[in-house]
Amino acid sequence: MSQLYDLCALDEIPRQGSRVVEAPHGDVAVFRTADDRVFALDDRCPHKGGPLSQGMVLGHRVACPLHNWLIELESGEAVAPDQGCVRRHEARVDNGRVWLSIEG
């Protein structure tokens, strides 16, 4: 079962940046793209567990700060030739507020 949280104002997350949220299963990184879309993924790269929240947002992807793996923000999938997947969470913007759904 998931719970929906009113996380913050969109402007509280820098463009092409992220914010970390503590969740029961571990940290979740909430990313804001240059076009003001938001995405949420577990804050662990599928390669070596690097903190994705500290990576660079490039379009709708994030580069892991440890080994530069690219992860698709929409799906959590690693970009080929790398393989792996990060659990994603539902995130959306409504009336300038970021809403996040975390599986419990």
Protein backbone atom coordinates (compact mmCIF):
# COMPACT_ATOMS: atom_id res chain seq x y z
CA MET A 1 0.00 0.00 0.00
CA SER A 2 1.31 3.46 -0.84
CA GLN A 3 0.87 6.79 0.89
CA LEU A 4 0.75 10.16 -0.86
CA TYR A 5 2.83 12.94 0.70
CA ASP A 6 2.79 16.69 0.10
CA LEU A 7 6.58 16.94 -0.06
CA CYS A 8 7.38 20.59 -0.76
CA ALA A 9 6.94 23.49 -3.16
CA LEU A 10 8.43 22.78 -6.60
CA ASP A 11 10.77 25.76 -6.15
CA GLU A 12 12.34 24.05 -3.11
CA ILE A 13 13.99 21.53 -5.45
CA PRO A 14 16.61 23.15 -7.68
CA ARG A 15 16.21 22.74 -11.45
CA GLN A 16 18.35 19.82 -12.58
CA GLY A 17 18.82 18.91 -8.92
CA SER A 18 17.27 16.70 -6.27
CA ARG A 19 16.04 16.37 -2.74
CA VAL A 20 16.36 13.31 -0.50
CA VAL A 21 13.43 11.93 1.46
CA GLU A 22 13.72 9.28 4.17
CA ALA A 23 11.42 6.32 3.59
CA PRO A 24 10.90 3.08 5.54
CA HIS A 25 12.92 1.07 2.97
CA GLY A 26 15.71 3.69 2.58
CA ASP A 27 16.25 7.09 1.04
CA VAL A 28 14.31 8.25 -2.03
CA ALA A 29 15.73 10.90 -4.37
CA VAL A 30 13.23 13.32 -5.90
CA PHE A 31 14.59 14.93 -9.07
CA ARG A 32 13.49 18.10 -10.86
CA THR A 33 14.34 18.45 -14.53
CA ALA A 34 14.99 21.66 -16.46
CA ASP A 35 11.41 21.47 -17.82
CA ASP A 36 10.02 21.27 -14.23
CA ARG A 37 9.02 17.60 -14.32
CA VAL A 38 9.63 15.59 -11.15
CA PHE A 39 10.68 11.96 -10.78
CA ALA A 40 11.45 9.82 -7.74
CA LEU A 41 13.81 6.86 -7.49
CA ASP A 42 15.44 4.95 -4.67
CA ASP A 43 18.66 6.80 -3.90
CA ARG A 44 20.90 3.84 -4.85
CA CYS A 45 22.48 3.15 -8.21
CA PRO A 46 21.93 -0.48 -9.29
CA HIS A 47 25.66 -0.80 -10.04
CA LYS A 48 27.45 -0.11 -6.74
CA GLY A 49 24.77 1.62 -4.66
CA GLY A 50 26.03 5.15 -5.31
CA PRO A 51 23.82 8.05 -4.16
CA LEU A 52 21.91 9.08 -7.28
CA SER A 53 20.78 12.27 -5.51
CA GLN A 54 24.37 13.51 -5.81
CA GLY A 55 24.51 12.87 -9.56
CA MET A 56 24.01 15.31 -12.42
CA VAL A 57 20.55 15.53 -13.99
CA LEU A 58 20.93 15.42 -17.78
CA GLY A 59 17.60 15.84 -19.52
CA HIS A 60 15.42 13.07 -18.08
CA ARG A 61 18.38 11.01 -16.87
CA VAL A 62 20.70 11.13 -13.88
CA ALA A 63 24.39 10.21 -13.97
CA CYS A 64 25.57 8.23 -10.96
CA PRO A 65 28.37 10.16 -9.22
CA LEU A 66 30.49 7.03 -8.71
CA HIS A 67 30.87 5.53 -12.18
CA ASN A 68 28.70 7.74 -14.45
CA TRP A 69 26.05 5.14 -15.14
CA LEU A 70 23.04 6.88 -16.70
CA ILE A 71 19.65 6.06 -15.20
CA GLU A 72 16.36 6.94 -16.92
CA LEU A 73 14.35 9.02 -14.44
CA GLU A 74 10.99 7.91 -15.84
CA SER A 75 11.62 4.16 -15.64
CA GLY A 76 14.61 3.70 -13.31
CA GLU A 77 16.34 1.61 -16.03
CA ALA A 78 20.08 1.90 -16.66
CA VAL A 79 20.96 3.12 -20.15
CA ALA A 80 22.63 0.45 -22.36
CA PRO A 81 25.20 -0.97 -22.39
CA ASP A 82 24.77 -0.85 -18.58
CA GLN A 83 22.10 -3.06 -17.06
CA GLY A 84 20.02 -2.75 -13.93
CA CYS A 85 17.02 -0.97 -12.54
CA VAL A 86 16.23 1.30 -9.61
CA ARG A 87 12.82 1.23 -7.96
CA ARG A 88 10.78 4.25 -8.98
CA HIS A 89 8.07 6.04 -7.06
CA GLU A 90 5.17 8.12 -8.31
CA ALA A 91 5.84 11.87 -8.15
CA ARG A 92 3.89 14.76 -9.61
CA VAL A 93 3.43 18.51 -9.43
CA ASP A 94 0.01 19.88 -8.58
CA ASN A 95 -0.60 23.62 -8.04
CA GLY A 96 3.12 24.22 -7.55
CA ARG A 97 3.46 21.48 -4.90
CA VAL A 98 5.41 18.23 -5.27
CA TRP A 99 3.46 15.13 -4.31
CA LEU A 100 5.24 11.83 -3.70
CA SER A 101 3.80 8.35 -3.33
CA ILE A 102 5.99 5.87 -1.44
CA GLU A 103 5.18 2.18 -1.22
CA GLY A 104 4.90 1.18 2.43
